[in-house]
């Protein structure tokens, strides 16, 4: 699994932990929501730490170039010129 993929997974889980943490506030059941509060903040902190540990730094230049090339080849038209380029030399 690439660093970019791990970074995305841990980011989603981090926000999911924040959502679990906020659930008792949004539903108005603070007295029975202690487990949600503890579990949500624990998940958010754990995923935040794992995100930092496993993906220190941004995605590598090679991974970014490979992703960009794959994305462009899938969505680019058959001509390789810029769409706003003049048609004459």
Protein backbone atom coordinates (compact mmCIF):
# COMPACT_ATOMS: atom_id res chain seq x y z
CA UNK A 1 0.00 0.00 0.00
CA UNK A 2 1.44 3.38 -0.95
CA UNK A 3 1.97 6.27 1.43
CA UNK A 4 -0.70 8.32 -0.32
CA UNK A 5 -3.27 5.57 0.24
CA UNK A 6 -2.33 5.16 3.92
CA UNK A 7 -2.48 8.90 4.41
CA UNK A 8 -5.98 9.03 2.94
CA UNK A 9 -7.22 6.08 5.03
CA UNK A 10 -5.89 7.52 8.28
CA UNK A 11 -7.34 10.94 7.43
CA UNK A 12 -10.81 9.48 6.87
CA UNK A 13 -10.57 7.48 10.11
CA UNK A 14 -9.42 10.58 11.97
CA UNK A 15 -12.47 12.53 10.82
CA UNK A 16 -14.68 9.53 11.62
CA UNK A 17 -13.33 9.62 15.18
CA UNK A 18 -14.18 13.31 15.41
CA UNK A 19 -17.71 12.55 14.16
CA UNK A 20 -18.10 9.85 16.84
CA UNK A 21 -16.85 12.35 19.42
CA UNK A 22 -19.43 14.95 18.34
CA UNK A 23 -22.37 12.51 18.13
CA UNK A 24 -23.54 12.98 21.77
CA UNK A 25 -23.40 16.77 21.39
CA UNK A 26 -25.51 16.66 18.24
CA UNK A 27 -28.10 14.28 19.68
CA UNK A 28 -28.31 16.00 23.07
CA UNK A 29 -27.50 12.88 25.13
CA UNK A 30 -24.35 13.98 26.93
CA UNK A 31 -24.92 11.92 30.07
CA UNK A 32 -25.12 8.60 28.21
CA UNK A 33 -22.53 9.51 25.59
CA UNK A 34 -19.33 9.24 27.63
CA UNK A 35 -18.27 6.12 25.72
CA UNK A 36 -18.79 7.95 22.43
CA UNK A 37 -16.71 10.86 23.67
CA UNK A 38 -13.84 8.68 24.90
CA UNK A 39 -13.95 6.30 21.94
CA UNK A 40 -14.19 9.05 19.35
CA UNK A 41 -11.33 11.13 20.71
CA UNK A 42 -9.25 7.97 21.19
CA UNK A 43 -9.79 6.94 17.57
CA UNK A 44 -9.02 10.45 16.31
CA UNK A 45 -5.80 10.71 18.33
CA UNK A 46 -4.67 7.19 17.41
CA UNK A 47 -5.28 7.70 13.69
CA UNK A 48 -3.63 11.11 13.81
CA UNK A 49 -0.50 9.62 15.38
CA UNK A 50 -0.46 6.68 12.96
CA UNK A 51 -0.92 9.09 10.04
CA UNK A 52 2.15 11.02 11.17
CA UNK A 53 4.25 7.92 11.90
CA UNK A 54 3.53 5.92 8.75
CA UNK A 55 3.38 8.78 6.30
CA UNK A 56 5.96 11.26 7.48
CA UNK A 57 6.42 13.82 4.75
CA UNK A 58 4.24 14.20 1.72
CA UNK A 59 3.84 11.71 -1.08
CA UNK A 60 7.05 11.06 -2.94
CA UNK A 61 7.70 12.76 -6.24
CA UNK A 62 7.64 9.40 -8.04
CA UNK A 63 4.20 8.46 -6.65
CA UNK A 64 2.81 11.89 -7.56
CA UNK A 65 4.18 11.72 -11.11
CA UNK A 66 2.83 8.19 -11.63
CA UNK A 67 -0.62 9.18 -10.36
CA UNK A 68 -0.68 12.34 -12.48
CA UNK A 69 0.40 10.46 -15.63
CA UNK A 70 -2.27 7.80 -15.10
CA UNK A 71 -4.94 10.44 -14.50
CA UNK A 72 -3.96 12.50 -17.56
CA UNK A 73 -3.79 9.50 -19.88
CA UNK A 74 -7.27 8.41 -18.83
CA UNK A 75 -8.88 11.83 -19.33
CA UNK A 76 -6.85 13.51 -22.06
CA UNK A 77 -8.11 13.96 -25.63
CA UNK A 78 -6.32 12.29 -28.53
CA UNK A 79 -4.47 15.50 -29.47
CA UNK A 80 -1.55 16.48 -27.32
CA UNK A 81 -1.65 20.25 -27.96
CA UNK A 82 -3.05 22.76 -25.52
CA UNK A 83 -6.73 23.54 -26.22
CA UNK A 84 -6.08 27.29 -26.36
CA UNK A 85 -2.93 27.05 -28.47
CA UNK A 86 -3.05 28.72 -31.90
CA UNK A 87 -3.61 26.34 -34.80
CA UNK A 88 -0.90 27.92 -36.98
CA UNK A 89 2.87 27.86 -36.28
